[in-house]
Amino acid sequence: MFPVQKEKKMLNNSFDLIVIGAGPGGYVGAIRAAQLGMNVACVEKRVTLGGTCLNVGCIPSKALLNASEHFANAASGSLEDLGILVDKVKLDLSKMMRSKNDIVNTLTNGINFLFEKNKITRLEGTASIIAPGKVQITDGKDNGDYQAEKIMIATGSQPSSLPDITIDEKRIVSSTGALSLDSLPKKMVVIGAGYIGLELGMVWSRLGTEVEVIEFLPRILPGMDSEVASKFITIAKKQGLKFRLSTAVKLAKVAKTGVTLTVMPAGGGGVEETVKADIALVSVGRHPATDGLGLDELGIAITPRGRIAVDARFETNIDDIYAIGDVIEGPMLAHKAEEDAIAAVEIMAGKAGHVDYNLVPGIVYTAPEIATLGKSEDALKDAGIDYSKGIFPFSANSRARAQGHTEGFVKILACTKTDKVLGVHIIGHEAGTIIHECAIAMAFGASSEDIARTCHGHPTLNEAVKEAALAVDGRAIHT
């Protein structure tokens, strides 16, 4: 157990723990380690803290999703039904982007405050591990060699691309470029129908861009419950998004006025087609950001999927070098990285730590939102697990009716023999908030009957969870 440090102590650039990366995993882990009495340094190559999530990911995308939803509601005339008349709605994209940037700056500055409060040494530059216990920083203002009893890798992930497609962040963009466009494209092609592609596609569609989503698989949202994915694509089409499924993008070329894409059927053997757009957003997944860390030279083991191999203590095969978040196995999500980091540093300090990856919520922040937890119906079928299903539509929920958000449903999957909840899948307004009731229930091994017999406030959207739990046993009240 590390003693509580009243004041930060640094002798010859030595620390108890050096964290590489100041994203949600890195900065949270650094703070928790400092709380546990460790003398901590955190290395970040960006000038601002917060990693991809705060700078060019979770936060700016949610700011634009919020702003674009307000714009779309005002511009579509849908507010007239509520007696709210809005004339001559105009888009000021530069002001919207400034608002997004202000939100990002406020939050990243907040991490600076937390580092100072917890006496964490911030080091700016690119880090590599040159030997166990030794970190070298280059290309920054804190260049030099630093020592630590323990090192934690929290460098996150970066966008992946496709062969023969080069991301220039101008015409062919990743999520980073799509969050900072300075003009409204007439047409955008989104390559990939996962979380990120659908969220950013919806942002630009709401603002007036024609958006076409091209997906290699015959469905959207790979890995998510197929019934939810099927419902969402129907809703998204009504909102104006176009989809081209089972389609491979073979080539993308930049021209003076846009991008030309060559596509063909994913199964091969079909006729090639040309698709033109002003902007192409490549959203085909992410991969661990581990280049330049010196992993090969150190002999750190890598999994077949290209992630750093760790044990139950988040320790690599090299003593006192740990890894968390997107660089190790598990969902590539900010909140998962935070939980990894806290568990890892608590284990370092002699405490217990564990993360149940089955209980990491997955959330798509579109409108309506999508939230998933635990096993999907597809996974239960593939595993041969007998289950019961309860579905309750938001169209029968009084709060959803009052708010005008009646699309979607709550689906609860429970073990036929024990009634233990195995998975929950929600599509609807505020799904990302509602899912956490189910996360707590599942963390404590709840049955659908436990949820059904818990009093839910009226009128609330969460009543749909109670009704779905009742529906598992065929006794929903309001359907």
Protein backbone atom coordinates (compact mmCIF):
# COMPACT_ATOMS: atom_id res chain seq x y z
CA MET A 1 0.00 0.00 0.00
CA PHE A 2 1.34 3.38 -0.99
CA PRO A 3 1.48 6.02 1.77
CA VAL A 4 -0.70 9.09 1.37
CA GLN A 5 1.36 11.90 -0.16
CA LYS A 6 0.79 15.27 1.47
CA GLU A 7 2.92 16.97 -1.17
CA LYS A 8 4.10 15.91 -4.57
CA LYS A 9 7.61 14.51 -4.41
CA MET A 10 9.81 14.05 -7.45
CA LEU A 11 13.43 13.07 -7.20
CA ASN A 12 15.49 12.70 -10.38
CA ASN A 13 12.34 12.39 -12.51
CA SER A 14 11.21 9.32 -10.55
CA PHE A 15 7.61 8.34 -9.83
CA ASP A 16 5.63 5.51 -8.32
CA LEU A 17 3.51 5.35 -11.49
CA ILE A 18 3.79 6.82 -14.97
CA VAL A 19 0.58 6.69 -17.01
CA ILE A 20 1.03 6.97 -20.78
CA GLY A 21 -2.04 8.66 -22.26
CA ALA A 22 -4.45 11.19 -20.73
CA GLY A 23 -7.72 9.96 -22.19
CA PRO A 24 -10.64 8.75 -20.04
CA GLY A 25 -8.66 5.70 -18.94
CA GLY A 26 -5.35 7.45 -18.40
CA TYR A 27 -6.46 10.55 -16.55
CA VAL A 28 -8.98 8.68 -14.40
CA GLY A 29 -6.35 6.09 -13.52
CA ALA A 30 -3.85 8.84 -12.66
CA ILE A 31 -6.35 10.55 -10.35
CA ARG A 32 -7.30 7.32 -8.58
CA ALA A 33 -3.64 6.38 -8.15
CA ALA A 34 -2.92 9.79 -6.62
CA GLN A 35 -5.87 9.32 -4.26
CA LEU A 36 -4.28 6.05 -3.16
CA GLY A 37 -1.05 7.82 -2.26
CA MET A 38 1.04 7.23 -5.35
CA ASN A 39 3.37 9.85 -6.79
CA VAL A 40 2.00 9.97 -10.35
CA ALA A 41 3.01 11.41 -13.71
CA CYS A 42 0.81 11.32 -16.80
CA VAL A 43 2.31 11.67 -20.29
CA GLU A 44 0.17 13.08 -23.12
CA LYS A 45 1.33 14.09 -26.59
CA ARG A 46 -1.58 16.47 -27.13
CA VAL A 47 -1.40 19.97 -25.73
CA THR A 48 -4.82 19.37 -24.17
CA LEU A 49 -5.79 16.53 -21.86
CA GLY A 50 -8.73 14.17 -22.31
CA GLY A 51 -7.53 12.05 -25.21
CA THR A 52 -9.65 11.20 -28.25
CA CYS A 53 -12.88 11.14 -26.22
CA LEU A 54 -12.83 14.72 -25.00
CA ASN A 55 -10.95 16.29 -27.91
CA VAL A 56 -12.14 14.59 -31.09
CA GLY A 57 -14.60 11.88 -30.06
CA CYS A 58 -17.31 11.40 -27.47
CA ILE A 59 -17.75 14.99 -26.32
CA PRO A 60 -17.61 17.00 -29.57
CA SER A 61 -19.81 14.43 -31.32
CA LYS A 62 -22.44 14.64 -28.58
CA ALA A 63 -22.31 18.43 -28.68
CA LEU A 64 -23.02 18.35 -32.42
CA LEU A 65 -25.69 15.68 -32.02
CA ASN A 66 -27.46 17.91 -29.51
CA ALA A 67 -27.13 21.07 -31.61
CA SER A 68 -28.17 19.36 -34.86
CA GLU A 69 -31.23 17.82 -33.20
CA HIS A 70 -32.39 21.26 -32.04
CA PHE A 71 -31.84 22.62 -35.56
CA ALA A 72 -33.70 19.73 -37.21
CA ASN A 73 -36.66 20.06 -34.84
CA ALA A 74 -36.94 23.78 -35.52
CA ALA A 75 -36.41 23.50 -39.28
CA SER A 76 -38.76 20.56 -39.86
CA GLY A 77 -41.82 22.31 -38.46
CA SER A 78 -42.39 19.52 -35.95
CA LEU A 79 -42.58 22.08 -33.13
CA GLU A 80 -45.76 23.55 -34.64
CA ASP A 81 -47.76 20.63 -33.23
CA LEU A 82 -46.74 21.87 -29.77
CA GLY A 83 -47.86 25.39 -30.54
CA ILE A 84 -44.31 26.65 -31.10
CA LEU A 85 -43.95 28.61 -34.34
CA VAL A 86 -40.44 29.17 -35.67
CA ASP A 87 -39.85 31.16 -38.85
CA LYS A 88 -36.81 31.42 -41.10
CA VAL A 89 -34.59 28.87 -39.39
CA LYS A 90 -30.97 29.31 -40.53
CA LEU A 91 -27.80 27.36 -39.88
CA ASP A 92 -24.68 29.13 -38.64
CA LEU A 93 -22.23 26.25 -38.91
CA SER A 94 -19.21 28.23 -37.74
CA LYS A 95 -21.04 29.28 -34.58
CA MET A 96 -22.17 25.70 -33.97
CA MET A 97 -18.56 24.56 -34.26
CA ARG A 98 -17.40 27.30 -31.87
CA SER A 99 -20.00 26.19 -29.34
CA LYS A 100 -18.73 22.61 -29.69
CA ASN A 101 -15.15 23.77 -29.19
CA ASP A 102 -16.10 25.81 -26.11
CA ILE A 103 -17.62 22.71 -24.51
CA VAL A 104 -14.49 20.70 -25.29
CA ASN A 105 -12.19 23.41 -23.92
CA THR A 106 -14.17 23.70 -20.68
CA LEU A 107 -13.92 19.97 -20.04
CA THR A 108 -10.26 19.59 -20.97
CA ASN A 109 -9.37 22.54 -18.74
CA GLY A 110 -11.31 20.79 -16.00
CA ILE A 111 -8.90 17.86 -16.18
CA ASN A 112 -6.00 20.29 -15.75
CA PHE A 113 -7.66 21.45 -12.54
CA LEU A 114 -8.10 17.86 -11.34
CA PHE A 115 -4.43 17.11 -12.03
CA GLU A 116 -3.36 20.12 -10.01
CA LYS A 117 -5.79 19.27 -7.22
CA ASN A 118 -4.43 15.72 -6.97
CA LYS A 119 -0.77 16.79 -7.40
CA ILE A 120 -0.29 14.81 -10.60
CA THR A 121 2.72 15.74 -12.72
CA ARG A 122 1.72 16.39 -16.29
CA LEU A 123 4.33 15.58 -18.93
CA GLU A 124 3.86 16.71 -22.52
CA GLY A 125 5.35 14.74 -25.40
CA THR A 126 5.44 11.35 -27.09
CA ALA A 127 6.29 8.49 -24.75
CA SER A 128 8.07 5.22 -25.37
CA ILE A 129 9.07 2.54 -22.89
CA ILE A 130 12.78 1.98 -23.37
CA ALA A 131 13.15 -0.53 -20.54
CA PRO A 132 11.07 -1.81 -17.62
CA GLY A 133 10.58 1.14 -15.31
CA LYS A 134 11.95 3.66 -17.80
CA VAL A 135 9.99 6.01 -20.07
CA GLN A 136 11.50 8.31 -22.66
CA ILE A 137 9.65 11.42 -23.85
CA THR A 138 10.36 13.06 -27.22
CA ASP A 139 8.72 15.64 -29.48
CA GLY A 140 7.37 17.69 -26.60
CA LYS A 141 8.28 20.23 -23.97
CA ASP A 142 9.15 17.61 -21.34
CA ASN A 143 11.66 15.59 -23.34
CA GLY A 144 13.90 13.30 -21.34
CA ASP A 145 14.08 10.03 -19.46
CA TYR A 146 11.80 9.27 -16.52
CA GLN A 147 11.71 6.38 -14.09
CA ALA A 148 8.79 4.70 -12.37
CA GLU A 149 8.14 1.67 -10.23
CA LYS A 150 5.14 0.92 -12.44
CA ILE A 151 4.02 2.00 -15.93
CA MET A 152 0.46 1.92 -17.23
CA ILE A 153 -0.25 2.09 -20.98
CA ALA A 154 -3.49 3.97 -21.69
CA THR A 155 -2.92 5.23 -25.23
CA GLY A 156 -6.38 4.40 -26.55
CA SER A 157 -7.16 3.79 -30.21
CA GLN A 158 -7.19 5.48 -33.58
CA PRO A 159 -9.42 5.25 -36.66
CA SER A 160 -8.86 2.35 -39.04
CA SER A 161 -9.07 2.68 -42.82
CA LEU A 162 -9.39 0.40 -45.83
CA PRO A 163 -6.81 -0.67 -48.43
CA ASP A 164 -6.37 1.91 -51.19
CA ILE A 165 -8.19 4.59 -49.19
CA THR A 166 -6.09 7.39 -47.73
CA ILE A 167 -7.63 9.62 -45.08
CA ASP A 168 -6.59 13.24 -45.68
CA GLU A 169 -9.09 14.82 -43.22
CA LYS A 170 -10.24 17.14 -46.00
CA ARG A 171 -12.26 15.16 -48.54
CA ILE A 172 -11.76 11.67 -47.13
CA VAL A 173 -12.15 12.08 -43.39
CA SER A 174 -12.14 10.05 -40.21
CA SER A 175 -14.41 10.94 -37.31
CA THR A 176 -11.86 13.63 -36.41
CA GLY A 177 -12.32 15.47 -39.71
CA ALA A 178 -16.08 14.93 -39.73
CA LEU A 179 -16.32 16.83 -36.44
CA SER A 180 -14.63 19.93 -37.87
CA LEU A 181 -15.97 20.53 -41.38
CA ASP A 182 -16.10 24.24 -42.16
CA SER A 183 -18.91 24.04 -44.71
CA LEU A 184 -22.03 21.98 -45.24
CA PRO A 185 -21.46 19.17 -47.78
CA LYS A 186 -24.18 18.55 -50.34
CA LYS A 187 -23.54 14.81 -50.10
CA MET A 188 -21.60 12.66 -47.66
CA VAL A 189 -20.88 8.97 -47.99
CA VAL A 190 -20.33 7.17 -44.69
CA ILE A 191 -18.28 3.99 -45.06
CA GLY A 192 -19.32 1.73 -42.18
CA ALA A 193 -22.62 1.45 -40.31
CA GLY A 194 -21.33 1.17 -36.76
CA TYR A 195 -21.82 3.49 -33.78
CA ILE A 196 -19.61 6.32 -35.02
CA GLY A 197 -20.73 6.30 -38.63
CA LEU A 198 -24.42 6.42 -37.72
CA GLU A 199 -23.97 9.18 -35.15
CA LEU A 200 -21.98 11.46 -37.45
CA GLY A 201 -24.12 10.59 -40.43
CA MET A 202 -27.17 11.69 -38.50
CA VAL A 203 -25.49 14.97 -37.45
CA TRP A 204 -24.86 16.02 -41.05
CA SER A 205 -28.16 14.67 -42.34
CA ARG A 206 -30.04 16.82 -39.82
CA LEU A 207 -28.14 19.88 -40.98
CA GLY A 208 -29.15 19.32 -44.59
CA THR A 209 -26.53 17.01 -46.13
CA GLU A 210 -27.61 14.04 -48.22
CA VAL A 211 -26.08 11.08 -46.36
CA GLU A 212 -25.59 7.61 -47.78
CA VAL A 213 -24.23 4.85 -45.55
CA ILE A 214 -22.32 2.02 -47.21
CA GLU A 215 -21.83 -1.15 -45.17
CA PHE A 216 -19.98 -4.35 -46.13
CA LEU A 217 -22.26 -6.55 -44.01
CA PRO A 218 -25.94 -7.20 -44.80
CA ARG A 219 -26.96 -5.30 -41.64
CA ILE A 220 -26.07 -2.20 -39.62
CA LEU A 221 -24.60 -2.08 -36.10
CA PRO A 222 -22.55 -5.29 -36.27
CA GLY A 223 -22.56 -7.22 -33.01
CA MET A 224 -25.64 -5.47 -31.66
CA ASP A 225 -29.01 -7.19 -31.19
CA SER A 226 -30.37 -7.71 -34.70
CA GLU A 227 -33.97 -6.85 -33.77
CA VAL A 228 -32.82 -3.47 -32.48
CA ALA A 229 -30.66 -2.90 -35.57
CA SER A 230 -33.58 -3.77 -37.85
CA LYS A 231 -35.87 -1.34 -36.04
CA PHE A 232 -33.31 1.45 -36.15
CA ILE A 233 -32.60 1.23 -39.88
CA THR A 234 -36.32 1.67 -40.52
CA ILE A 235 -36.38 4.78 -38.33
CA ALA A 236 -33.16 6.17 -39.85
CA LYS A 237 -34.54 5.81 -43.38
CA LYS A 238 -37.61 7.80 -42.37
CA GLN A 239 -35.25 10.51 -41.13
CA GLY A 240 -33.58 10.73 -44.53
CA LEU A 241 -30.49 8.50 -44.29
CA LYS A 242 -29.87 6.19 -47.23
CA PHE A 243 -28.29 2.76 -46.87
CA ARG A 244 -26.37 0.52 -49.25
CA LEU A 245 -25.75 -2.80 -47.45
CA SER A 246 -23.72 -5.85 -48.50
CA THR A 247 -21.49 -3.47 -50.42
CA ALA A 248 -17.71 -3.24 -50.52
CA VAL A 249 -15.84 0.01 -51.14
CA LYS A 250 -12.90 -0.88 -53.35
CA LEU A 251 -11.43 2.53 -54.01
CA ALA A 252 -11.85 6.19 -53.12
CA LYS A 253 -10.21 8.96 -55.17
CA VAL A 254 -10.11 12.64 -54.33
CA ALA A 255 -11.03 15.11 -57.07
CA LYS A 256 -11.13 18.90 -57.05
CA THR A 257 -14.80 18.98 -56.16
CA GLY A 258 -15.21 15.86 -54.08
CA VAL A 259 -14.63 12.13 -53.82
CA THR A 260 -15.33 9.31 -56.26
CA LEU A 261 -15.86 5.87 -54.74
CA THR A 262 -15.81 2.54 -56.53
CA VAL A 263 -18.18 0.02 -54.94
CA MET A 264 -19.30 -3.52 -55.69
CA PRO A 265 -21.31 -6.31 -54.03
CA ALA A 266 -19.56 -7.58 -50.91
CA GLY A 267 -19.78 -11.19 -52.06
CA GLY A 268 -17.86 -10.41 -55.24
CA GLY A 269 -18.83 -11.21 -58.78
CA GLY A 270 -21.05 -8.19 -59.23
CA VAL A 271 -20.74 -5.08 -61.33
CA GLU A 272 -18.68 -2.18 -60.05
CA GLU A 273 -20.46 1.12 -59.55
CA THR A 274 -19.31 4.68 -59.02
CA VAL A 275 -20.60 6.80 -56.15
CA LYS A 276 -19.76 10.48 -55.95
CA ALA A 277 -19.85 12.70 -52.86
CA ASP A 278 -18.40 15.91 -51.49
CA ILE A 279 -17.09 14.14 -48.39
CA ALA A 280 -16.38 10.49 -47.60
CA LEU A 281 -16.32 9.55 -43.92
CA VAL A 282 -14.34 6.37 -43.24
CA SER A 283 -15.85 4.74 -40.16
CA VAL A 284 -14.80 1.10 -40.29
CA GLY A 285 -13.64 0.70 -36.72
CA ARG A 286 -10.63 1.57 -34.60
CA HIS A 287 -7.37 -0.13 -33.69
CA PRO A 288 -5.03 0.19 -30.67
CA ALA A 289 -2.73 3.21 -30.71
CA THR A 290 0.46 1.41 -29.75
CA ASP A 291 2.91 2.47 -32.49
CA GLY A 292 6.14 3.89 -31.12
CA LEU A 293 5.67 2.60 -27.58
CA GLY A 294 8.49 0.09 -27.95
CA LEU A 295 6.35 -2.99 -27.33
CA ASP A 296 8.21 -5.23 -29.79
CA GLU A 297 11.60 -4.26 -28.39
CA LEU A 298 10.41 -5.00 -24.86
CA GLY A 299 8.87 -8.31 -25.87
CA ILE A 300 5.39 -7.41 -24.64
CA ALA A 301 2.91 -10.08 -25.72
CA ILE A 302 0.21 -9.16 -28.22
CA THR A 303 -3.10 -11.00 -28.74
CA PRO A 304 -4.13 -12.44 -32.15
CA ARG A 305 -6.41 -9.38 -32.51
CA GLY A 306 -3.47 -7.03 -32.15
CA ARG A 307 -4.13 -5.87 -28.60
CA ILE A 308 -1.81 -5.95 -25.62
CA ALA A 309 -2.19 -9.18 -23.64
CA VAL A 310 -2.76 -8.69 -19.92
CA ASP A 311 -3.67 -10.93 -17.00
CA ALA A 312 -6.51 -10.48 -14.50
CA ARG A 313 -4.43 -7.76 -12.82
CA PHE A 314 -4.09 -5.80 -16.09
CA GLU A 315 -0.37 -6.60 -16.03
CA THR A 316 1.51 -7.53 -19.20
CA ASN A 317 4.03 -10.34 -19.43
CA ILE A 318 6.65 -7.78 -18.34
CA ASP A 319 6.54 -7.15 -14.60
CA ASP A 320 5.17 -3.77 -13.51
CA ILE A 321 4.02 -2.76 -16.99
CA TYR A 322 0.24 -2.58 -17.17
CA ALA A 323 -2.26 -1.77 -19.93
CA ILE A 324 -5.91 -0.71 -19.93
CA GLY A 325 -8.68 0.55 -22.19
CA ASP A 326 -8.72 0.28 -25.97
CA VAL A 327 -5.24 -1.27 -26.18
CA ILE A 328 -6.43 -4.46 -24.43
CA GLU A 329 -9.31 -6.84 -25.10
CA GLY A 330 -12.88 -5.77 -24.44
CA PRO A 331 -15.20 -3.06 -25.80
CA MET A 332 -13.44 0.04 -27.13
CA LEU A 333 -15.47 2.44 -25.01
CA ALA A 334 -14.44 5.35 -22.79
CA HIS A 335 -16.36 4.12 -19.75
CA LYS A 336 -14.80 0.67 -20.05
CA ALA A 337 -11.35 2.30 -20.07
CA GLU A 338 -12.21 4.23 -16.90
CA GLU A 339 -13.25 1.04 -15.10
CA ASP A 340 -10.12 -0.77 -16.32
CA ALA A 341 -7.93 2.04 -15.02
CA ILE A 342 -9.50 2.22 -11.59
CA ALA A 343 -9.35 -1.57 -11.18
CA ALA A 344 -5.71 -1.67 -12.33
CA VAL A 345 -4.41 1.01 -9.95
CA GLU A 346 -6.43 -0.36 -7.03
CA ILE A 347 -4.84 -3.76 -7.64
CA MET A 348 -1.43 -2.06 -7.72
CA ALA A 349 -2.23 -0.59 -4.31
CA GLY A 350 -3.15 -3.97 -2.86
CA LYS A 351 -6.91 -3.61 -3.19
CA ALA A 352 -9.41 -5.71 -5.11
CA GLY A 353 -10.31 -4.72 -8.66
CA HIS A 354 -12.40 -6.29 -11.40
CA VAL A 355 -14.38 -5.28 -14.50
CA ASP A 356 -17.25 -7.38 -15.86
CA TYR A 357 -17.17 -6.74 -19.62
CA ASN A 358 -20.60 -8.35 -19.95
CA LEU A 359 -22.00 -5.37 -18.03
CA VAL A 360 -20.44 -2.56 -20.06
CA PRO A 361 -23.32 -0.61 -21.67
CA GLY A 362 -23.06 0.09 -25.38
CA ILE A 363 -24.83 3.29 -26.41
CA VAL A 364 -25.49 4.89 -29.80
CA TYR A 365 -26.40 8.56 -29.31
CA THR A 366 -28.65 8.94 -32.32
CA ALA A 367 -32.31 9.93 -32.12
CA PRO A 368 -33.74 7.68 -30.91
CA GLU A 369 -30.85 6.41 -28.85
CA ILE A 370 -29.85 2.77 -28.74
CA ALA A 371 -28.54 1.09 -25.59
CA THR A 372 -27.49 -2.50 -25.11
CA LEU A 373 -26.28 -4.53 -22.15
CA GLY A 374 -25.34 -8.16 -21.67
CA LYS A 375 -26.16 -10.86 -24.21
CA SER A 376 -28.05 -10.17 -27.43
CA GLU A 377 -30.82 -12.47 -28.57
CA ASP A 378 -28.56 -13.59 -31.43
CA ALA A 379 -25.78 -14.55 -28.99
CA LEU A 380 -28.16 -16.53 -26.79
CA LYS A 381 -29.45 -18.45 -29.81
CA ASP A 382 -25.92 -19.19 -31.01
CA ALA A 383 -24.96 -20.44 -27.53
CA GLY A 384 -28.06 -22.64 -27.28
CA ILE A 385 -29.26 -20.90 -24.11
CA ASP A 386 -32.97 -21.13 -23.37
CA TYR A 387 -34.38 -17.68 -22.73
CA SER A 388 -37.65 -15.82 -22.33
CA LYS A 389 -38.25 -12.44 -23.91
CA GLY A 390 -40.29 -9.46 -22.83
CA ILE A 391 -40.83 -6.44 -25.08
CA PHE A 392 -42.64 -3.23 -24.28
CA PRO A 393 -43.09 -0.43 -26.85
CA PHE A 394 -42.61 3.22 -25.94
CA SER A 395 -45.78 3.96 -27.90
CA ALA A 396 -47.64 2.53 -24.87
CA ASN A 397 -45.65 4.56 -22.31
CA SER A 398 -47.43 7.68 -21.06
CA ARG A 399 -44.27 9.79 -20.58
CA ALA A 400 -43.06 8.94 -24.08
CA ARG A 401 -46.45 10.00 -25.41
CA ALA A 402 -46.30 13.29 -23.52
CA GLN A 403 -42.81 13.99 -24.89
CA GLY A 404 -43.60 12.95 -28.45
CA HIS A 405 -40.92 10.23 -28.44
CA THR A 406 -42.89 7.06 -29.05
CA GLU A 407 -40.54 5.15 -31.35
CA GLY A 408 -38.73 2.09 -30.08
CA PHE A 409 -39.02 -0.44 -27.29
CA VAL A 410 -37.40 -2.09 -24.28
CA LYS A 411 -36.44 -5.75 -24.62
CA ILE A 412 -35.45 -7.90 -21.65
CA LEU A 413 -33.98 -11.38 -22.09
CA ALA A 414 -34.05 -13.72 -19.09
CA CYS A 415 -32.96 -17.30 -18.45
CA THR A 416 -35.96 -19.63 -18.84
CA LYS A 417 -34.90 -21.75 -15.85
CA THR A 418 -33.71 -19.13 -13.33
CA ASP A 419 -35.31 -15.92 -14.65
CA LYS A 420 -31.91 -14.17 -14.26
CA VAL A 421 -31.66 -11.21 -16.63
CA LEU A 422 -29.17 -12.04 -19.39
CA GLY A 423 -29.51 -9.00 -21.61
CA VAL A 424 -31.37 -5.74 -22.05
CA HIS A 425 -31.74 -3.87 -25.33
CA ILE A 426 -33.42 -0.50 -25.69
CA ILE A 427 -34.16 1.72 -28.65
CA GLY A 428 -35.87 4.97 -27.72
CA HIS A 429 -35.54 8.45 -26.27
CA GLU A 430 -32.97 8.57 -23.40
CA ALA A 431 -32.16 4.86 -23.86
CA GLY A 432 -28.57 5.56 -22.76
CA THR A 433 -29.83 6.81 -19.41
CA ILE A 434 -32.53 4.19 -18.89
CA ILE A 435 -30.12 1.27 -19.44
CA HIS A 436 -28.27 1.97 -16.18
CA GLU A 437 -31.20 0.82 -14.06
CA CYS A 438 -30.73 -2.54 -15.76
CA ALA A 439 -26.95 -2.44 -15.32
CA ILE A 440 -27.34 -2.18 -11.55
CA ALA A 441 -29.97 -4.92 -11.55
CA MET A 442 -27.78 -7.28 -13.57
CA ALA A 443 -24.71 -6.48 -11.46
CA PHE A 444 -26.59 -7.85 -8.47
CA GLY A 445 -27.88 -10.89 -10.36
CA ALA A 446 -31.47 -9.68 -10.60
CA SER A 447 -34.27 -11.67 -12.17
CA SER A 448 -36.89 -10.13 -14.43
CA GLU A 449 -39.30 -10.66 -11.54
CA ASP A 450 -37.09 -8.45 -9.32
CA ILE A 451 -37.38 -5.61 -11.82
CA ALA A 452 -41.09 -6.22 -12.35
CA ARG A 453 -41.80 -6.00 -8.62
CA THR A 454 -39.80 -2.79 -8.13
CA CYS A 455 -42.01 0.29 -7.95
CA HIS A 456 -41.28 2.72 -10.79
CA GLY A 457 -42.31 6.35 -10.69
CA HIS A 458 -45.16 7.51 -12.91
CA PRO A 459 -45.04 8.95 -15.50
CA THR A 460 -41.47 8.03 -16.47
CA LEU A 461 -39.77 6.37 -19.41
CA ASN A 462 -38.34 3.81 -16.98
CA GLU A 463 -41.81 2.35 -16.55
CA ALA A 464 -41.18 0.73 -19.92
CA VAL A 465 -38.42 -1.31 -18.24
CA LYS A 466 -40.84 -2.55 -15.59
CA GLU A 467 -43.41 -3.41 -18.26
CA ALA A 468 -40.82 -5.28 -20.34
CA ALA A 469 -39.88 -7.26 -17.22
CA LEU A 470 -43.56 -8.07 -16.69
CA ALA A 471 -43.80 -9.09 -20.34
CA VAL A 472 -41.11 -11.75 -19.81
CA ASP A 473 -43.82 -13.63 -17.88
CA GLY A 474 -46.59 -12.53 -20.27
CA ARG A 475 -48.24 -10.13 -17.86
CA ALA A 476 -47.46 -6.61 -19.09
CA ILE A 477 -50.23 -4.25 -18.01
CA HIS A 478 -50.33 -1.60 -20.74
CA THR A 479 -50.17 -3.75 -23.88
